Amino acid sequence: MPGIVTSAVEVTNVSTHCFWVLLGDEELAVPFADFPWFKQATIEQLANVEWPSADHLYWPQLDVDLSVRSIRDPSAFPLVSGAPI
């Protein structure tokens, strides 16, 4: 079982198409087309992100949990939100 992640997570940029999350030394784009429940979120809600384990991100104000693997390769995770884009 992996230990607690000690590196910081940070939202580094937000555009109309996606936002970027910095996980240690890796920056990942989170496209709203693949993750539509973030599209109407405020910057404050997006920036309030936790990284409780190596493959887990959590946005408490939005009650959204994501696997880091799903951000790296959304096509490998075919179940998608029913939220409108």
N, C-alpha and C. Protein backbone atom coordinates (compact mmCIF):
# COMPACT_ATOMS: atom_id res chain seq x y z
N MET A 1 0.84 -1.18 0.00
CA MET A 1 0.00 0.00 0.00
C MET A 1 0.89 1.24 0.00
N PRO A 2 0.65 2.19 -0.91
CA PRO A 2 1.48 3.39 -0.97
C PRO A 2 1.32 4.23 0.29
N GLY A 3 2.36 4.98 0.59
CA GLY A 3 2.32 5.87 1.74
C GLY A 3 1.65 7.18 1.39
N ILE A 4 1.67 8.10 2.31
CA ILE A 4 1.07 9.41 2.11
C ILE A 4 1.93 10.22 1.15
N VAL A 5 1.30 10.88 0.20
CA VAL A 5 2.01 11.73 -0.75
C VAL A 5 2.43 13.00 -0.03
N THR A 6 3.69 13.34 -0.13
CA THR A 6 4.19 14.53 0.55
C THR A 6 4.40 15.71 -0.38
N SER A 7 4.34 15.49 -1.68
CA SER A 7 4.49 16.57 -2.64
C SER A 7 3.19 17.38 -2.68
N ALA A 8 3.31 18.63 -3.05
CA ALA A 8 2.16 19.50 -3.14
C ALA A 8 1.43 19.32 -4.47
N VAL A 9 0.14 19.57 -4.44
CA VAL A 9 -0.66 19.62 -5.66
C VAL A 9 -1.11 21.07 -5.82
N GLU A 10 -1.13 21.53 -7.07
CA GLU A 10 -1.48 22.92 -7.32
C GLU A 10 -2.16 23.05 -8.68
N VAL A 11 -3.22 23.83 -8.75
CA VAL A 11 -3.81 24.19 -10.03
C VAL A 11 -3.01 25.38 -10.53
N THR A 12 -2.40 25.22 -11.70
CA THR A 12 -1.48 26.25 -12.20
C THR A 12 -2.08 27.19 -13.23
N ASN A 13 -3.16 26.76 -13.90
CA ASN A 13 -3.75 27.59 -14.95
C ASN A 13 -5.16 27.11 -15.22
N VAL A 14 -6.01 28.02 -15.65
CA VAL A 14 -7.39 27.70 -16.01
C VAL A 14 -7.70 28.41 -17.32
N SER A 15 -8.29 27.67 -18.28
CA SER A 15 -8.73 28.27 -19.54
C SER A 15 -10.19 27.89 -19.76
N THR A 16 -10.73 28.29 -20.87
CA THR A 16 -12.12 27.93 -21.17
C THR A 16 -12.26 26.47 -21.58
N HIS A 17 -11.13 25.79 -21.87
CA HIS A 17 -11.16 24.40 -22.33
C HIS A 17 -10.70 23.39 -21.29
N CYS A 18 -9.87 23.84 -20.34
CA CYS A 18 -9.33 22.90 -19.36
C CYS A 18 -8.67 23.67 -18.23
N PHE A 19 -8.18 22.91 -17.26
CA PHE A 19 -7.30 23.48 -16.24
C PHE A 19 -6.13 22.53 -16.05
N TRP A 20 -5.05 23.05 -15.50
CA TRP A 20 -3.83 22.28 -15.35
C TRP A 20 -3.54 22.06 -13.87
N VAL A 21 -3.15 20.83 -13.55
CA VAL A 21 -2.82 20.45 -12.18
C VAL A 21 -1.35 20.04 -12.14
N LEU A 22 -0.61 20.62 -11.22
CA LEU A 22 0.79 20.27 -11.03
C LEU A 22 0.87 19.28 -9.87
N LEU A 23 1.37 18.09 -10.18
CA LEU A 23 1.54 17.02 -9.18
C LEU A 23 3.04 16.78 -9.05
N GLY A 24 3.64 17.37 -8.04
CA GLY A 24 5.10 17.26 -7.92
C GLY A 24 5.75 17.94 -9.10
N ASP A 25 6.42 17.14 -9.96
CA ASP A 25 7.07 17.71 -11.14
C ASP A 25 6.34 17.37 -12.44
N GLU A 26 5.11 16.87 -12.33
CA GLU A 26 4.31 16.52 -13.51
C GLU A 26 3.09 17.44 -13.59
N GLU A 27 2.89 18.06 -14.76
CA GLU A 27 1.73 18.91 -14.96
C GLU A 27 0.77 18.23 -15.93
N LEU A 28 -0.50 18.13 -15.52
CA LEU A 28 -1.51 17.45 -16.32
C LEU A 28 -2.64 18.40 -16.67
N ALA A 29 -3.11 18.34 -17.91
CA ALA A 29 -4.28 19.09 -18.33
C ALA A 29 -5.52 18.27 -18.01
N VAL A 30 -6.55 18.94 -17.49
CA VAL A 30 -7.82 18.30 -17.17
C VAL A 30 -8.87 18.95 -18.07
N PRO A 31 -9.14 18.36 -19.25
CA PRO A 31 -10.07 18.97 -20.20
C PRO A 31 -11.52 18.88 -19.72
N PHE A 32 -12.25 19.98 -19.86
CA PHE A 32 -13.66 19.98 -19.47
C PHE A 32 -14.48 19.03 -20.32
N ALA A 33 -14.06 18.76 -21.55
CA ALA A 33 -14.78 17.81 -22.40
C ALA A 33 -14.75 16.41 -21.80
N ASP A 34 -13.66 16.04 -21.15
CA ASP A 34 -13.54 14.72 -20.53
C ASP A 34 -14.02 14.71 -19.08
N PHE A 35 -13.98 15.86 -18.43
CA PHE A 35 -14.33 15.97 -17.01
C PHE A 35 -15.30 17.15 -16.83
N PRO A 36 -16.54 17.01 -17.35
CA PRO A 36 -17.46 18.15 -17.42
C PRO A 36 -17.94 18.69 -16.07
N TRP A 37 -17.83 17.93 -15.00
CA TRP A 37 -18.30 18.43 -13.71
C TRP A 37 -17.45 19.58 -13.18
N PHE A 38 -16.29 19.84 -13.81
CA PHE A 38 -15.45 20.98 -13.41
C PHE A 38 -15.78 22.25 -14.19
N LYS A 39 -16.52 22.16 -15.28
CA LYS A 39 -16.71 23.30 -16.18
C LYS A 39 -17.34 24.52 -15.50
N GLN A 40 -18.28 24.32 -14.62
CA GLN A 40 -18.95 25.44 -13.95
C GLN A 40 -18.33 25.78 -12.60
N ALA A 41 -17.25 25.11 -12.23
CA ALA A 41 -16.60 25.35 -10.94
C ALA A 41 -15.91 26.70 -10.92
N THR A 42 -15.86 27.30 -9.76
CA THR A 42 -15.10 28.54 -9.60
C THR A 42 -13.61 28.21 -9.49
N ILE A 43 -12.79 29.21 -9.67
CA ILE A 43 -11.35 29.00 -9.51
C ILE A 43 -11.04 28.57 -8.08
N GLU A 44 -11.74 29.14 -7.12
CA GLU A 44 -11.54 28.74 -5.72
C GLU A 44 -11.85 27.25 -5.54
N GLN A 45 -12.93 26.77 -6.14
CA GLN A 45 -13.29 25.35 -6.03
C GLN A 45 -12.26 24.46 -6.73
N LEU A 46 -11.77 24.88 -7.90
CA LEU A 46 -10.76 24.10 -8.61
C LEU A 46 -9.45 24.06 -7.83
N ALA A 47 -9.07 25.19 -7.26
CA ALA A 47 -7.79 25.29 -6.56
C ALA A 47 -7.77 24.53 -5.24
N ASN A 48 -8.94 24.27 -4.69
CA ASN A 48 -9.02 23.54 -3.42
C ASN A 48 -9.00 22.04 -3.72
N VAL A 49 -7.81 21.54 -4.01
CA VAL A 49 -7.63 20.14 -4.38
C VAL A 49 -6.67 19.48 -3.41
N GLU A 50 -6.96 18.25 -3.08
CA GLU A 50 -6.12 17.46 -2.18
C GLU A 50 -5.56 16.27 -2.95
N TRP A 51 -4.40 15.79 -2.52
CA TRP A 51 -3.71 14.66 -3.15
C TRP A 51 -3.42 13.63 -2.06
N PRO A 52 -4.45 12.89 -1.63
CA PRO A 52 -4.28 11.99 -0.49
C PRO A 52 -3.42 10.76 -0.76
N SER A 53 -3.30 10.35 -2.02
CA SER A 53 -2.43 9.23 -2.37
C SER A 53 -1.94 9.41 -3.80
N ALA A 54 -0.98 8.62 -4.20
CA ALA A 54 -0.32 8.80 -5.50
C ALA A 54 -1.28 8.82 -6.68
N ASP A 55 -2.37 8.06 -6.61
CA ASP A 55 -3.30 7.98 -7.74
C ASP A 55 -4.68 8.57 -7.40
N HIS A 56 -4.75 9.45 -6.43
CA HIS A 56 -6.05 9.95 -5.99
C HIS A 56 -6.01 11.45 -5.78
N LEU A 57 -6.90 12.15 -6.47
CA LEU A 57 -7.10 13.58 -6.25
C LEU A 57 -8.53 13.79 -5.76
N TYR A 58 -8.71 14.78 -4.89
CA TYR A 58 -10.04 15.04 -4.33
C TYR A 58 -10.28 16.54 -4.24
N TRP A 59 -11.43 16.98 -4.74
CA TRP A 59 -11.88 18.35 -4.66
C TRP A 59 -13.03 18.39 -3.66
N PRO A 60 -12.78 18.74 -2.39
CA PRO A 60 -13.81 18.66 -1.36
C PRO A 60 -15.01 19.58 -1.60
N GLN A 61 -14.80 20.77 -2.13
CA GLN A 61 -15.92 21.69 -2.35
C GLN A 61 -16.83 21.20 -3.47
N LEU A 62 -16.32 20.36 -4.36
CA LEU A 62 -17.10 19.83 -5.48
C LEU A 62 -17.51 18.37 -5.24
N ASP A 63 -16.94 17.75 -4.20
CA ASP A 63 -17.14 16.34 -3.89
C ASP A 63 -16.81 15.47 -5.11
N VAL A 64 -15.65 15.74 -5.72
CA VAL A 64 -15.18 15.00 -6.89
C VAL A 64 -13.88 14.29 -6.53
N ASP A 65 -13.86 12.99 -6.79
CA ASP A 65 -12.66 12.16 -6.64
C ASP A 65 -12.23 11.72 -8.04
N LEU A 66 -10.94 11.78 -8.31
CA LEU A 66 -10.43 11.32 -9.60
C LEU A 66 -9.16 10.50 -9.41
N SER A 67 -9.04 9.50 -10.24
CA SER A 67 -7.78 8.78 -10.35
C SER A 67 -6.85 9.61 -11.22
N VAL A 68 -5.61 9.74 -10.82
CA VAL A 68 -4.62 10.45 -11.64
C VAL A 68 -4.49 9.73 -12.99
N ARG A 69 -4.59 8.42 -12.98
CA ARG A 69 -4.52 7.66 -14.24
C ARG A 69 -5.62 8.07 -15.20
N SER A 70 -6.80 8.42 -14.69
CA SER A 70 -7.90 8.83 -15.58
C SER A 70 -7.61 10.17 -16.25
N ILE A 71 -6.82 11.02 -15.61
CA ILE A 71 -6.43 12.29 -16.23
C ILE A 71 -5.37 12.04 -17.29
N ARG A 72 -4.43 11.16 -16.99
CA ARG A 72 -3.37 10.85 -17.96
C ARG A 72 -3.93 10.17 -19.21
N ASP A 73 -4.94 9.32 -19.03
CA ASP A 73 -5.48 8.55 -20.16
C ASP A 73 -6.99 8.39 -20.02
N PRO A 74 -7.77 9.45 -20.31
CA PRO A 74 -9.22 9.39 -20.14
C PRO A 74 -9.88 8.27 -20.95
N SER A 75 -9.31 7.90 -22.08
CA SER A 75 -9.92 6.86 -22.92
C SER A 75 -9.89 5.49 -22.24
N ALA A 76 -9.00 5.30 -21.27
CA ALA A 76 -8.93 4.03 -20.55
C ALA A 76 -10.01 3.93 -19.48
N PHE A 77 -10.73 5.02 -19.25
CA PHE A 77 -11.78 5.08 -18.24
C PHE A 77 -13.08 5.52 -18.93
N PRO A 78 -13.78 4.58 -19.58
CA PRO A 78 -14.92 4.95 -20.42
C PRO A 78 -16.14 5.46 -19.67
N LEU A 79 -16.25 5.22 -18.38
CA LEU A 79 -17.41 5.75 -17.67
C LEU A 79 -17.23 7.24 -17.49
N VAL A 80 -18.23 8.00 -17.89
CA VAL A 80 -18.14 9.45 -17.83
C VAL A 80 -19.32 10.01 -17.06
N SER A 81 -19.18 11.22 -16.64
CA SER A 81 -20.24 11.91 -15.92
C SER A 81 -21.41 12.17 -16.84
N GLY A 82 -22.60 12.20 -16.28
CA GLY A 82 -23.79 12.56 -17.03
C GLY A 82 -24.02 14.06 -17.04
N ALA A 83 -23.11 14.82 -16.44
CA ALA A 83 -23.26 16.28 -16.38
C ALA A 83 -23.18 16.87 -17.78
N PRO A 84 -24.02 17.85 -18.07
CA PRO A 84 -23.96 18.49 -19.40
C PRO A 84 -22.66 19.26 -19.58
N ILE A 85 -22.19 19.31 -20.79
CA ILE A 85 -20.94 20.03 -21.10
C ILE A 85 -21.25 21.49 -21.32
